[in-house]
Structure formats: C-alpha cells, structure tokens
Amino acid sequence: MADHNNIGKKGEEIAKKYLEAHGYKILETNWRFSRAEVDLIAMDKEIMVFVEVKTRSYDSFGKPEEFVSRAKEKMLMDAASVYTNQVNHDWEIRFDIISIISKGDCHELKHFKDAFFDGWG
C-alpha cells in the first residue's frame, strides 16, 4: 500500500478513536456510494454525522482541512442523502471534517463541526 494510503488509514483510525472517546457511536467506516466514500458515519446523540478525515504528515502546502473541495462536499452530501434513505433516518444530519497532522506517534487533531454549513471553505 502506498505511503499516502497508510497515512490516510492511520488518520481514519485516530479519528474513529477520537469520536468514540467523545461519545459518538460509529455506524460505518469507509461507506461507499458511486464515486463517493464517506470516511466515517456516526451518531452524536440524535444527530447523524458524516465525517471526512483529512490526514497529512506536514502542512507546508496547506492545512489538511483546506483540501476538502466543493466537489467533495457535494459528493458527500449526495452519499448522505442515499444513506439516510437506506437506513430510514429522517432527523438532523451534520457534515464534519477531522483534520490530522500525523508525525510518527504524535498527531495534531482538529474537529470542525458543521464544516459545510458554517461558512466553511
């Protein structure tokens, strides 16, 4: 597996543990619809949360969260629509970004709640 794939998988595992430690219930990991992949789908109490995890080993070219494009946001929203219909969830949803800079065993994690609807981007 390529290095960037290993870094991404490591970041997703860090994000999953972080969410679980903060009381989230993980429903899905790497859920796919068409060309979209949702890294994590979780419940934050009654809110279904679709999480995009961005992991980098450095931020010289920009912070990880800056690499979530409008096209990626749209794909995630489309995937969320399909997923919520499949599981018959008709309550509140949210889109979060978890940004991780990971250097060896050390990492810096930032959690952006409501990332797509709070003036993000």
PDB file of N, CA and C in Angstrom:
ATOM      1  N   MET A   1       0.853  -1.173   0.000  1.00  0.00           N
ATOM      2  CA  MET A   1       0.000   0.000   0.000  1.00  0.00           C
ATOM      3  C   MET A   1       0.900   1.237   0.000  1.00  0.00           C
ATOM      4  N   ALA A   2       0.538   2.243  -0.777  1.00  0.00           N
ATOM      5  CA  ALA A   2       1.320   3.460  -0.869  1.00  0.00           C
ATOM      6  C   ALA A   2       1.321   4.199   0.463  1.00  0.00           C
ATOM      7  N   ASP A   3       2.403   4.978   0.695  1.00  0.00           N
ATOM      8  CA  ASP A   3       2.542   5.723   1.948  1.00  0.00           C
ATOM      9  C   ASP A   3       1.339   6.604   2.253  1.00  0.00           C
ATOM     10  N   HIS A   4       0.825   7.327   1.231  1.00  0.00           N
ATOM     11  CA  HIS A   4      -0.304   8.226   1.488  1.00  0.00           C
ATOM     12  C   HIS A   4      -1.550   7.452   1.897  1.00  0.00           C
ATOM     13  N   ASN A   5      -1.705   6.221   1.389  1.00  0.00           N
ATOM     14  CA  ASN A   5      -2.826   5.378   1.818  1.00  0.00           C
ATOM     15  C   ASN A   5      -2.672   4.956   3.269  1.00  0.00           C
ATOM     16  N   ASN A   6      -1.431   4.605   3.668  1.00  0.00           N
ATOM     17  CA  ASN A   6      -1.169   4.230   5.059  1.00  0.00           C
ATOM     18  C   ASN A   6      -1.445   5.404   5.991  1.00  0.00           C
ATOM     19  N   ILE A   7      -1.033   6.594   5.602  1.00  0.00           N
ATOM     20  CA  ILE A   7      -1.261   7.792   6.416  1.00  0.00           C
ATOM     21  C   ILE A   7      -2.762   8.037   6.542  1.00  0.00           C
ATOM     22  N   GLY A   8      -3.494   7.891   5.435  1.00  0.00           N
ATOM     23  CA  GLY A   8      -4.941   8.085   5.456  1.00  0.00           C
ATOM     24  C   GLY A   8      -5.640   7.091   6.365  1.00  0.00           C
ATOM     25  N   LYS A   9      -5.277   5.826   6.273  1.00  0.00           N
ATOM     26  CA  LYS A   9      -5.888   4.794   7.126  1.00  0.00           C
ATOM     27  C   LYS A   9      -5.555   5.039   8.599  1.00  0.00           C
ATOM     28  N   LYS A  10      -4.316   5.436   8.870  1.00  0.00           N
ATOM     29  CA  LYS A  10      -3.920   5.755  10.246  1.00  0.00           C
ATOM     30  C   LYS A  10      -4.759   6.922  10.767  1.00  0.00           C
ATOM     31  N   GLY A  11      -4.949   7.950   9.941  1.00  0.00           N
ATOM     32  CA  GLY A  11      -5.752   9.102  10.334  1.00  0.00           C
ATOM     33  C   GLY A  11      -7.198   8.725  10.609  1.00  0.00           C
ATOM     34  N   GLU A  12      -7.759   7.867   9.780  1.00  0.00           N
ATOM     35  CA  GLU A  12      -9.143   7.434   9.986  1.00  0.00           C
ATOM     36  C   GLU A  12      -9.287   6.678  11.300  1.00  0.00           C
ATOM     37  N   GLU A  13      -8.305   5.870  11.636  1.00  0.00           N
ATOM     38  CA  GLU A  13      -8.353   5.135  12.905  1.00  0.00           C
ATOM     39  C   GLU A  13      -8.229   6.098  14.096  1.00  0.00           C
ATOM     40  N   ILE A  14      -7.346   7.092  13.979  1.00  0.00           N
ATOM     41  CA  ILE A  14      -7.206   8.105  15.035  1.00  0.00           C
ATOM     42  C   ILE A  14      -8.524   8.858  15.201  1.00  0.00           C
ATOM     43  N   ALA A  15      -9.139   9.243  14.082  1.00  0.00           N
ATOM     44  CA  ALA A  15     -10.405   9.983  14.122  1.00  0.00           C
ATOM     45  C   ALA A  15     -11.508   9.132  14.748  1.00  0.00           C
ATOM     46  N   LYS A  16     -11.563   7.872  14.395  1.00  0.00           N
ATOM     47  CA  LYS A  16     -12.582   6.963  14.943  1.00  0.00           C
ATOM     48  C   LYS A  16     -12.438   6.870  16.462  1.00  0.00           C
ATOM     49  N   LYS A  17     -11.224   6.668  16.942  1.00  0.00           N
ATOM     50  CA  LYS A  17     -10.983   6.572  18.385  1.00  0.00           C
ATOM     51  C   LYS A  17     -11.335   7.885  19.079  1.00  0.00           C
ATOM     52  N   TYR A  18     -11.001   9.002  18.446  1.00  0.00           N
ATOM     53  CA  TYR A  18     -11.330  10.321  18.997  1.00  0.00           C
ATOM     54  C   TYR A  18     -12.845  10.474  19.147  1.00  0.00           C
ATOM     55  N   LEU A  19     -13.585  10.151  18.100  1.00  0.00           N
ATOM     56  CA  LEU A  19     -15.043  10.278  18.150  1.00  0.00           C
ATOM     57  C   LEU A  19     -15.648   9.363  19.215  1.00  0.00           C
ATOM     58  N   GLU A  20     -15.192   8.126  19.254  1.00  0.00           N
ATOM     59  CA  GLU A  20     -15.703   7.191  20.258  1.00  0.00           C
ATOM     60  C   GLU A  20     -15.420   7.705  21.677  1.00  0.00           C
ATOM     61  N   ALA A  21     -14.239   8.265  21.879  1.00  0.00           N
ATOM     62  CA  ALA A  21     -13.879   8.806  23.194  1.00  0.00           C
ATOM     63  C   ALA A  21     -14.751   9.999  23.575  1.00  0.00           C
ATOM     64  N   HIS A  22     -15.332  10.660  22.565  1.00  0.00           N
ATOM     65  CA  HIS A  22     -16.210  11.803  22.806  1.00  0.00           C
ATOM     66  C   HIS A  22     -17.693  11.425  22.736  1.00  0.00           C
ATOM     67  N   GLY A  23     -17.987  10.134  22.849  1.00  0.00           N
ATOM     68  CA  GLY A  23     -19.366   9.679  22.971  1.00  0.00           C
ATOM     69  C   GLY A  23     -20.097   9.411  21.671  1.00  0.00           C
ATOM     70  N   TYR A  24     -19.432   9.467  20.541  1.00  0.00           N
ATOM     71  CA  TYR A  24     -20.065   9.176  19.263  1.00  0.00           C
ATOM     72  C   TYR A  24     -20.179   7.661  19.094  1.00  0.00           C
ATOM     73  N   LYS A  25     -21.233   7.231  18.434  1.00  0.00           N
ATOM     74  CA  LYS A  25     -21.395   5.819  18.079  1.00  0.00           C
ATOM     75  C   LYS A  25     -21.077   5.689  16.590  1.00  0.00           C
ATOM     76  N   ILE A  26     -20.071   4.918  16.257  1.00  0.00           N
ATOM     77  CA  ILE A  26     -19.665   4.734  14.861  1.00  0.00           C
ATOM     78  C   ILE A  26     -20.614   3.740  14.206  1.00  0.00           C
ATOM     79  N   LEU A  27     -21.214   4.164  13.089  1.00  0.00           N
ATOM     80  CA  LEU A  27     -22.135   3.306  12.342  1.00  0.00           C
ATOM     81  C   LEU A  27     -21.452   2.638  11.158  1.00  0.00           C
ATOM     82  N   GLU A  28     -20.604   3.392  10.469  1.00  0.00           N
ATOM     83  CA  GLU A  28     -19.952   2.884   9.250  1.00  0.00           C
ATOM     84  C   GLU A  28     -18.549   3.478   9.139  1.00  0.00           C
ATOM     85  N   THR A  29     -17.666   2.701   8.518  1.00  0.00           N
ATOM     86  CA  THR A  29     -16.351   3.221   8.128  1.00  0.00           C
ATOM     87  C   THR A  29     -16.183   2.955   6.642  1.00  0.00           C
ATOM     88  N   ASN A  30     -15.679   3.943   5.948  1.00  0.00           N
ATOM     89  CA  ASN A  30     -15.415   3.846   4.514  1.00  0.00           C
ATOM     90  C   ASN A  30     -16.632   3.379   3.716  1.00  0.00           C
ATOM     91  N   TRP A  31     -17.784   3.989   3.994  1.00  0.00           N
ATOM     92  CA  TRP A  31     -19.023   3.658   3.291  1.00  0.00           C
ATOM     93  C   TRP A  31     -19.004   4.290   1.899  1.00  0.00           C
ATOM     94  N   ARG A  32     -19.316   3.492   0.888  1.00  0.00           N
ATOM     95  CA  ARG A  32     -19.218   3.957  -0.497  1.00  0.00           C
ATOM     96  C   ARG A  32     -20.592   4.060  -1.162  1.00  0.00           C
ATOM     97  N   PHE A  33     -20.706   5.124  -1.961  1.00  0.00           N
ATOM     98  CA  PHE A  33     -21.843   5.286  -2.859  1.00  0.00           C
ATOM     99  C   PHE A  33     -21.312   5.922  -4.128  1.00  0.00           C
ATOM    100  N   SER A  34     -21.487   5.227  -5.239  1.00  0.00           N
ATOM    101  CA  SER A  34     -20.997   5.718  -6.526  1.00  0.00           C
ATOM    102  C   SER A  34     -19.509   6.038  -6.396  1.00  0.00           C
ATOM    103  N   ARG A  35     -19.126   7.275  -6.694  1.00  0.00           N
ATOM    104  CA  ARG A  35     -17.713   7.660  -6.600  1.00  0.00           C
ATOM    105  C   ARG A  35     -17.341   8.215  -5.232  1.00  0.00           C
ATOM    106  N   ALA A  36     -18.316   8.399  -4.369  1.00  0.00           N
ATOM    107  CA  ALA A  36     -18.062   8.989  -3.053  1.00  0.00           C
ATOM    108  C   ALA A  36     -17.746   7.916  -2.021  1.00  0.00           C
ATOM    109  N   GLU A  37     -16.832   8.253  -1.137  1.00  0.00           N
ATOM    110  CA  GLU A  37     -16.567   7.418   0.022  1.00  0.00           C
ATOM    111  C   GLU A  37     -16.662   8.310   1.245  1.00  0.00           C
ATOM    112  N   VAL A  38     -17.500   7.896   2.186  1.00  0.00           N
ATOM    113  CA  VAL A  38     -17.626   8.618   3.449  1.00  0.00           C
ATOM    114  C   VAL A  38     -16.724   7.902   4.443  1.00  0.00           C
ATOM    115  N   ASP A  39     -15.744   8.633   4.971  1.00  0.00           N
ATOM    116  CA  ASP A  39     -14.762   8.007   5.860  1.00  0.00           C
ATOM    117  C   ASP A  39     -15.422   7.416   7.102  1.00  0.00           C
ATOM    118  N   LEU A  40     -16.254   8.218   7.768  1.00  0.00           N
ATOM    119  CA  LEU A  40     -16.935   7.749   8.977  1.00  0.00           C
ATOM    120  C   LEU A  40     -18.364   8.272   8.999  1.00  0.00           C
ATOM    121  N   ILE A  41     -19.276   7.417   9.403  1.00  0.00           N
ATOM    122  CA  ILE A  41     -20.653   7.832   9.668  1.00  0.00           C
ATOM    123  C   ILE A  41     -20.899   7.477  11.124  1.00  0.00           C
ATOM    124  N   ALA A  42     -21.358   8.462  11.885  1.00  0.00           N
ATOM    125  CA  ALA A  42     -21.506   8.275  13.327  1.00  0.00           C
ATOM    126  C   ALA A  42     -22.769   8.958  13.828  1.00  0.00           C
ATOM    127  N   MET A  43     -23.153   8.598  15.022  1.00  0.00           N
ATOM    128  CA  MET A  43     -24.246   9.284  15.701  1.00  0.00           C
ATOM    129  C   MET A  43     -23.674  10.086  16.856  1.00  0.00           C
ATOM    130  N   ASP A  44     -24.028  11.361  16.892  1.00  0.00           N
ATOM    131  CA  ASP A  44     -23.711  12.252  18.004  1.00  0.00           C
ATOM    132  C   ASP A  44     -25.048  12.518  18.686  1.00  0.00           C
ATOM    133  N   LYS A  45     -25.365  11.668  19.633  1.00  0.00           N
ATOM    134  CA  LYS A  45     -26.698  11.634  20.250  1.00  0.00           C
ATOM    135  C   LYS A  45     -27.718  11.328  19.152  1.00  0.00           C
ATOM    136  N   GLU A  46     -28.600  12.274  18.801  1.00  0.00           N
ATOM    137  CA  GLU A  46     -29.628  12.036  17.783  1.00  0.00           C
ATOM    138  C   GLU A  46     -29.218  12.531  16.390  1.00  0.00           C
ATOM    139  N   ILE A  47     -28.037  13.124  16.281  1.00  0.00           N
ATOM    140  CA  ILE A  47     -27.588  13.700  15.004  1.00  0.00           C
ATOM    141  C   ILE A  47     -26.703  12.699  14.271  1.00  0.00           C
ATOM    142  N   MET A  48     -27.050  12.413  13.018  1.00  0.00           N
ATOM    143  CA  MET A  48     -26.211  11.569  12.184  1.00  0.00           C
ATOM    144  C   MET A  48     -25.121  12.458  11.577  1.00  0.00           C
ATOM    145  N   VAL A  49     -23.870  12.030  11.749  1.00  0.00           N
ATOM    146  CA  VAL A  49     -22.730  12.839  11.338  1.00  0.00           C
ATOM    147  C   VAL A  49     -21.935  12.106  10.262  1.00  0.00           C
ATOM    148  N   PHE A  50     -21.706  12.809   9.156  1.00  0.00           N
ATOM    149  CA  PHE A  50     -20.889  12.297   8.058  1.00  0.00           C
ATOM    150  C   PHE A  50     -19.540  12.996   8.156  1.00  0.00           C
ATOM    151  N   VAL A  51     -18.483  12.204   8.335  1.00  0.00           N
ATOM    152  CA  VAL A  51     -17.178  12.763   8.663  1.00  0.00           C
ATOM    153  C   VAL A  51     -16.182  12.502   7.542  1.00  0.00           C
ATOM    154  N   GLU A  52     -15.557  13.577   7.090  1.00  0.00           N
ATOM    155  CA  GLU A  52     -14.440  13.495   6.150  1.00  0.00           C
ATOM    156  C   GLU A  52     -13.164  13.670   6.966  1.00  0.00           C
ATOM    157  N   VAL A  53     -12.264  12.699   6.855  1.00  0.00           N
ATOM    158  CA  VAL A  53     -10.994  12.746   7.581  1.00  0.00           C
ATOM    159  C   VAL A  53      -9.894  13.087   6.591  1.00  0.00           C
ATOM    160  N   LYS A  54      -9.137  14.126   6.892  1.00  0.00           N
ATOM    161  CA  LYS A  54      -8.005  14.517   6.061  1.00  0.00           C
ATOM    162  C   LYS A  54      -6.747  14.448   6.900  1.00  0.00           C
ATOM    163  N   THR A  55      -5.803  13.629   6.461  1.00  0.00           N
ATOM    164  CA  THR A  55      -4.569  13.421   7.209  1.00  0.00           C
ATOM    165  C   THR A  55      -3.372  13.747   6.327  1.00  0.00           C
ATOM    166  N   ARG A  56      -2.445  14.458   6.893  1.00  0.00           N
ATOM    167  CA  ARG A  56      -1.187  14.785   6.220  1.00  0.00           C
ATOM    168  C   ARG A  56      -0.046  14.579   7.214  1.00  0.00           C
ATOM    169  N   SER A  57       1.161  14.390   6.703  1.00  0.00           N
ATOM    170  CA  SER A  57       2.306  14.296   7.599  1.00  0.00           C
ATOM    171  C   SER A  57       2.957  15.655   7.827  1.00  0.00           C
ATOM    172  N   TYR A  58       2.521  16.654   7.086  1.00  0.00           N
ATOM    173  CA  TYR A  58       3.017  18.026   7.275  1.00  0.00           C
ATOM    174  C   TYR A  58       1.997  18.980   6.671  1.00  0.00           C
ATOM    175  N   ASP A  59       2.133  20.254   6.992  1.00  0.00           N
ATOM    176  CA  ASP A  59       1.174  21.225   6.462  1.00  0.00           C
ATOM    177  C   ASP A  59       1.859  22.334   5.662  1.00  0.00           C
ATOM    178  N   SER A  60       3.001  22.019   5.084  1.00  0.00           N
ATOM    179  CA  SER A  60       3.759  23.008   4.303  1.00  0.00           C
ATOM    180  C   SER A  60       2.958  23.574   3.136  1.00  0.00           C
ATOM    181  N   PHE A  61       2.106  22.766   2.537  1.00  0.00           N
ATOM    182  CA  PHE A  61       1.330  23.191   1.373  1.00  0.00           C
ATOM    183  C   PHE A  61      -0.118  23.534   1.718  1.00  0.00           C
ATOM    184  N   GLY A  62      -0.415  23.595   2.994  1.00  0.00           N
ATOM    185  CA  GLY A  62      -1.770  23.911   3.447  1.00  0.00           C
ATOM    186  C   GLY A  62      -2.219  22.931   4.504  1.00  0.00           C
ATOM    187  N   LYS A  63      -3.178  23.353   5.258  1.00  0.00           N
ATOM    188  CA  LYS A  63      -3.727  22.514   6.320  1.00  0.00           C
ATOM    189  C   LYS A  63      -4.603  21.427   5.700  1.00  0.00           C
ATOM    190  N   PRO A  64      -4.650  20.257   6.317  1.00  0.00           N
ATOM    191  CA  PRO A  64      -5.420  19.151   5.732  1.00  0.00           C
ATOM    192  C   PRO A  64      -6.863  19.519   5.399  1.00  0.00           C
ATOM    193  N   GLU A  65      -7.523  20.261   6.287  1.00  0.00           N
ATOM    194  CA  GLU A  65      -8.931  20.610   6.064  1.00  0.00           C
ATOM    195  C   GLU A  65      -9.142  21.478   4.830  1.00  0.00           C
ATOM    196  N   GLU A  66      -8.107  22.151   4.366  1.00  0.00           N
ATOM    197  CA  GLU A  66      -8.210  23.003   3.183  1.00  0.00           C
ATOM    198  C   GLU A  66      -8.321  22.194   1.891  1.00  0.00           C
ATOM    199  N   PHE A  67      -8.115  20.891   1.980  1.00  0.00           N
ATOM    200  CA  PHE A  67      -8.148  20.041   0.791  1.00  0.00           C
ATOM    201  C   PHE A  67      -9.494  19.359   0.575  1.00  0.00           C
ATOM    202  N   VAL A  68     -10.516  19.803   1.292  1.00  0.00           N
ATOM    203  CA  VAL A  68     -11.872  19.306   1.049  1.00  0.00           C
ATOM    204  C   VAL A  68     -12.521  20.283   0.073  1.00  0.00           C
ATOM    205  N   SER A  69     -12.645  19.861  -1.165  1.00  0.00           N
ATOM    206  CA  SER A  69     -13.153  20.733  -2.235  1.00  0.00           C
ATOM    207  C   SER A  69     -14.675  20.802  -2.225  1.00  0.00           C
ATOM    208  N   ARG A  70     -15.204  21.769  -2.933  1.00  0.00           N
ATOM    209  CA  ARG A  70     -16.668  21.864  -3.088  1.00  0.00           C
ATOM    210  C   ARG A  70     -17.215  20.609  -3.770  1.00  0.00           C
ATOM    211  N   ALA A  71     -16.462  20.074  -4.726  1.00  0.00           N
ATOM    212  CA  ALA A  71     -16.894  18.847  -5.410  1.00  0.00           C
ATOM    213  C   ALA A  71     -16.981  17.683  -4.414  1.00  0.00           C
ATOM    214  N   LYS A  72     -16.004  17.586  -3.512  1.00  0.00           N
ATOM    215  CA  LYS A  72     -16.010  16.538  -2.492  1.00  0.00           C
ATOM    216  C   LYS A  72     -17.204  16.734  -1.552  1.00  0.00           C
ATOM    217  N   GLU A  73     -17.462  17.989  -1.166  1.00  0.00           N
ATOM    218  CA  GLU A  73     -18.620  18.283  -0.317  1.00  0.00           C
ATOM    219  C   GLU A  73     -19.908  17.810  -0.978  1.00  0.00           C
ATOM    220  N   LYS A  74     -20.057  18.101  -2.271  1.00  0.00           N
ATOM    221  CA  LYS A  74     -21.273  17.702  -2.996  1.00  0.00           C
ATOM    222  C   LYS A  74     -21.401  16.180  -3.042  1.00  0.00           C
ATOM    223  N   MET A  75     -20.296  15.491  -3.305  1.00  0.00           N
ATOM    224  CA  MET A  75     -20.338  14.022  -3.328  1.00  0.00           C
ATOM    225  C   MET A  75     -20.746  13.474  -1.965  1.00  0.00           C
ATOM    226  N   LEU A  76     -20.225  14.070  -0.896  1.00  0.00           N
ATOM    227  CA  LEU A  76     -20.581  13.613   0.450  1.00  0.00           C
ATOM    228  C   LEU A  76     -22.052  13.877   0.753  1.00  0.00           C
ATOM    229  N   MET A  77     -22.556  15.018   0.317  1.00  0.00           N
ATOM    230  CA  MET A  77     -23.971  15.329   0.538  1.00  0.00           C
ATOM    231  C   MET A  77     -24.865  14.361  -0.228  1.00  0.00           C
ATOM    232  N   ASP A  78     -24.476  14.042  -1.466  1.00  0.00           N
ATOM    233  CA  ASP A  78     -25.244  13.068  -2.253  1.00  0.00           C
ATOM    234  C   ASP A  78     -25.231  11.698  -1.581  1.00  0.00           C
ATOM    235  N   ALA A  79     -24.065  11.277  -1.116  1.00  0.00           N
ATOM    236  CA  ALA A  79     -23.940   9.988  -0.438  1.00  0.00           C
ATOM    237  C   ALA A  79     -24.777   9.979   0.844  1.00  0.00           C
ATOM    238  N   ALA A  80     -24.751  11.086   1.571  1.00  0.00           N
ATOM    239  CA  ALA A  80     -25.531  11.189   2.817  1.00  0.00           C
ATOM    240  C   ALA A  80     -27.020  11.045   2.538  1.00  0.00           C
ATOM    241  N   SER A  81     -27.471  11.630   1.453  1.00  0.00           N
ATOM    242  CA  SER A  81     -28.880  11.537   1.081  1.00  0.00           C
ATOM    243  C   SER A  81     -29.277  10.077   0.851  1.00  0.00           C
ATOM    244  N   VAL A  82     -28.445   9.352   0.131  1.00  0.00           N
ATOM    245  CA  VAL A  82     -28.723   7.938  -0.140  1.00  0.00           C
ATOM    246  C   VAL A  82     -28.677   7.132   1.157  1.00  0.00           C
ATOM    247  N   TYR A  83     -27.655   7.368   1.971  1.00  0.00           N
ATOM    248  CA  TYR A  83     -27.505   6.606   3.207  1.00  0.00           C
ATOM    249  C   TYR A  83     -28.682   6.835   4.154  1.00  0.00           C
ATOM    250  N   THR A  84     -29.074   8.087   4.338  1.00  0.00           N
ATOM    251  CA  THR A  84     -30.177   8.376   5.257  1.00  0.00           C
ATOM    252  C   THR A  84     -31.471   7.730   4.772  1.00  0.00           C
ATOM    253  N   ASN A  85     -31.657   7.671   3.452  1.00  0.00           N
ATOM    254  CA  ASN A  85     -32.841   6.977   2.906  1.00  0.00           C
ATOM    255  C   ASN A  85     -32.758   5.477   3.163  1.00  0.00           C
ATOM    256  N   GLN A  86     -31.571   4.895   2.986  1.00  0.00           N
ATOM    257  CA  GLN A  86     -31.400   3.453   3.177  1.00  0.00           C
ATOM    258  C   GLN A  86     -31.682   3.034   4.613  1.00  0.00           C
ATOM    259  N   VAL A  87     -31.271   3.867   5.575  1.00  0.00           N
ATOM    260  CA  VAL A  87     -31.451   3.494   6.982  1.00  0.00           C
ATOM    261  C   VAL A  87     -32.686   4.139   7.596  1.00  0.00           C
ATOM    262  N   ASN A  88     -33.435   4.856   6.757  1.00  0.00           N
ATOM    263  CA  ASN A  88     -34.680   5.498   7.183  1.00  0.00           C
ATOM    264  C   ASN A  88     -34.461   6.498   8.325  1.00  0.00           C
ATOM    265  N   HIS A  89     -33.392   7.285   8.208  1.00  0.00           N
ATOM    266  CA  HIS A  89     -33.098   8.342   9.185  1.00  0.00           C
ATOM    267  C   HIS A  89     -33.678   9.643   8.645  1.00  0.00           C
ATOM    268  N   ASP A  90     -34.648  10.195   9.332  1.00  0.00           N
ATOM    269  CA  ASP A  90     -35.270  11.422   8.827  1.00  0.00           C
ATOM    270  C   ASP A  90     -35.132  12.560   9.836  1.00  0.00           C
ATOM    271  N   TRP A  91     -34.040  12.543  10.575  1.00  0.00           N
ATOM    272  CA  TRP A  91     -33.786  13.564  11.571  1.00  0.00           C
ATOM    273  C   TRP A  91     -32.564  14.359  11.151  1.00  0.00           C
ATOM    274  N   GLU A  92     -32.007  15.106  12.038  1.00  0.00           N
ATOM    275  CA  GLU A  92     -30.907  16.023  11.729  1.00  0.00           C
ATOM    276  C   GLU A  92     -29.638  15.270  11.298  1.00  0.00           C
ATOM    277  N   ILE A  93     -28.938  15.863  10.315  1.00  0.00           N
ATOM    278  CA  ILE A  93     -27.626  15.356   9.913  1.00  0.00           C
ATOM    279  C   ILE A  93     -26.636  16.518   9.965  1.00  0.00           C
ATOM    280  N   ARG A  94     -25.352  16.141   9.945  1.00  0.00           N
ATOM    281  CA  ARG A  94     -24.295  17.149  10.002  1.00  0.00           C
ATOM    282  C   ARG A  94     -23.084  16.621   9.240  1.00  0.00           C
ATOM    283  N   PHE A  95     -22.304  17.549   8.684  1.00  0.00           N
ATOM    284  CA  PHE A  95     -21.074  17.190   7.982  1.00  0.00           C
ATOM    285  C   PHE A  95     -19.893  17.786   8.743  1.00  0.00           C
ATOM    286  N   ASP A  96     -18.991  16.920   9.198  1.00  0.00           N
ATOM    287  CA  ASP A  96     -17.812  17.355   9.939  1.00  0.00           C
ATOM    288  C   ASP A  96     -16.553  17.021   9.153  1.00  0.00           C
ATOM    289  N   ILE A  97     -15.506  17.749   9.461  1.00  0.00           N
ATOM    290  CA  ILE A  97     -14.170  17.434   8.948  1.00  0.00           C
ATOM    291  C   ILE A  97     -13.269  17.228  10.157  1.00  0.00           C
ATOM    292  N   ILE A  98     -12.501  16.155  10.117  1.00  0.00           N
ATOM    293  CA  ILE A  98     -11.453  15.962  11.112  1.00  0.00           C
ATOM    294  C   ILE A  98     -10.130  16.063  10.367  1.00  0.00           C
ATOM    295  N   SER A  99      -9.327  17.023  10.801  1.00  0.00           N
ATOM    296  CA  SER A  99      -8.039  17.322  10.207  1.00  0.00           C
ATOM    297  C   SER A  99      -6.944  16.791  11.127  1.00  0.00           C
ATOM    298  N   ILE A 100      -6.025  16.017  10.551  1.00  0.00           N
ATOM    299  CA  ILE A 100      -4.959  15.420  11.358  1.00  0.00           C
ATOM    300  C   ILE A 100      -3.617  15.651  10.680  1.00  0.00           C
ATOM    301  N   ILE A 101      -2.678  16.156  11.452  1.00  0.00           N
ATOM    302  CA  ILE A 101      -1.279  16.180  11.020  1.00  0.00           C
ATOM    303  C   ILE A 101      -0.582  15.148  11.886  1.00  0.00           C
ATOM    304  N   SER A 102      -0.073  14.112  11.227  1.00  0.00           N
ATOM    305  CA  SER A 102       0.479  12.962  11.938  1.00  0.00           C
ATOM    306  C   SER A 102       1.961  12.814  11.620  1.00  0.00           C
ATOM    307  N   LYS A 103       2.774  12.840  12.665  1.00  0.00           N
ATOM    308  CA  LYS A 103       4.222  12.652  12.534  1.00  0.00           C
ATOM    309  C   LYS A 103       4.633  11.546  13.485  1.00  0.00           C
ATOM    310  N   GLY A 104       4.818  10.374  12.950  1.00  0.00           N
ATOM    311  CA  GLY A 104       5.174   9.230  13.792  1.00  0.00           C
ATOM    312  C   GLY A 104       4.056   8.906  14.756  1.00  0.00           C
ATOM    313  N   ASP A 105       4.381   8.870  16.041  1.00  0.00           N
ATOM    314  CA  ASP A 105       3.380   8.568  17.065  1.00  0.00           C
ATOM    315  C   ASP A 105       2.672   9.819  17.574  1.00  0.00           C
ATOM    316  N   CYS A 106       3.068  10.988  17.094  1.00  0.00           N
ATOM    317  CA  CYS A 106       2.448  12.244  17.524  1.00  0.00           C
ATOM    318  C   CYS A 106       1.482  12.721  16.446  1.00  0.00           C
ATOM    319  N   HIS A 107       0.375  13.313  16.886  1.00  0.00           N
ATOM    320  CA  HIS A 107      -0.555  13.864  15.913  1.00  0.00           C
ATOM    321  C   HIS A 107      -1.294  15.064  16.510  1.00  0.00           C
ATOM    322  N   GLU A 108      -1.671  15.941  15.603  1.00  0.00           N
ATOM    323  CA  GLU A 108      -2.465  17.111  15.962  1.00  0.00           C
ATOM    324  C   GLU A 108      -3.810  16.950  15.270  1.00  0.00           C
ATOM    325  N   LEU A 109      -4.889  16.928  16.047  1.00  0.00           N
ATOM    326  CA  LEU A 109      -6.220  16.703  15.512  1.00  0.00           C
ATOM    327  C   LEU A 109      -7.080  17.935  15.746  1.00  0.00           C
ATOM    328  N   LYS A 110      -7.796  18.339  14.707  1.00  0.00           N
ATOM    329  CA  LYS A 110      -8.782  19.414  14.819  1.00  0.00           C
ATOM    330  C   LYS A 110     -10.102  18.881  14.285  1.00  0.00           C
ATOM    331  N   HIS A 111     -11.184  19.158  15.024  1.00  0.00           N
ATOM    332  CA  HIS A 111     -12.509  18.688  14.645  1.00  0.00           C
ATOM    333  C   HIS A 111     -13.362  19.903  14.288  1.00  0.00           C
ATOM    334  N   PHE A 112     -13.793  19.949  13.037  1.00  0.00           N
ATOM    335  CA  PHE A 112     -14.635  21.040  12.549  1.00  0.00           C
ATOM    336  C   PHE A 112     -16.058  20.519  12.404  1.00  0.00           C
ATOM    337  N   LYS A 113     -16.928  20.925  13.337  1.00  0.00           N
ATOM    338  CA  LYS A 113     -18.330  20.519  13.282  1.00  0.00           C
ATOM    339  C   LYS A 113     -19.079  21.434  12.332  1.00  0.00           C
ATOM    340  N   ASP A 114     -20.098  20.886  11.657  1.00  0.00           N
ATOM    341  CA  ASP A 114     -20.887  21.660  10.694  1.00  0.00           C
ATOM    342  C   ASP A 114     -19.992  22.353   9.658  1.00  0.00           C
ATOM    343  N   ALA A 115     -19.005  21.649   9.198  1.00  0.00           N
ATOM    344  CA  ALA A 115     -17.978  22.235   8.337  1.00  0.00           C
ATOM    345  C   ALA A 115     -18.524  22.773   7.014  1.00  0.00           C
ATOM    346  N   PHE A 116     -19.551  22.167   6.481  1.00  0.00           N
ATOM    347  CA  PHE A 116     -20.055  22.588   5.172  1.00  0.00           C
ATOM    348  C   PHE A 116     -21.112  23.677   5.251  1.00  0.00           C
ATOM    349  N   PHE A 117     -21.666  23.910   6.421  1.00  0.00           N
ATOM    350  CA  PHE A 117     -22.775  24.851   6.516  1.00  0.00           C
ATOM    351  C   PHE A 117     -22.501  26.015   7.448  1.00  0.00           C
ATOM    352  N   ASP A 118     -21.258  26.171   7.869  1.00  0.00           N
ATOM    353  CA  ASP A 118     -20.951  27.219   8.836  1.00  0.00           C
ATOM    354  C   ASP A 118     -19.925  28.186   8.253  1.00  0.00           C
ATOM    355  N   GLY A 119     -20.108  28.556   7.001  1.00  0.00           N
ATOM    356  CA  GLY A 119     -19.175  29.474   6.369  1.00  0.00           C
ATOM    357  C   GLY A 119     -17.846  28.854   6.006  1.00  0.00           C
ATOM    358  N   TRP A 120     -17.818  27.511   5.971  1.00  0.00           N
ATOM    359  CA  TRP A 120     -16.568  26.801   5.667  1.00  0.00           C
ATOM    360  C   TRP A 120     -16.207  26.938   4.194  1.00  0.00           C
ATOM    361  N   GLY A 121     -14.921  26.980   3.911  1.00  0.00           N
ATOM    362  CA  GLY A 121     -14.456  26.868   2.524  1.00  0.00           C
ATOM    363  C   GLY A 121     -14.281  28.099   1.775  1.00  0.00           C
TER     364      GLY A 121
END
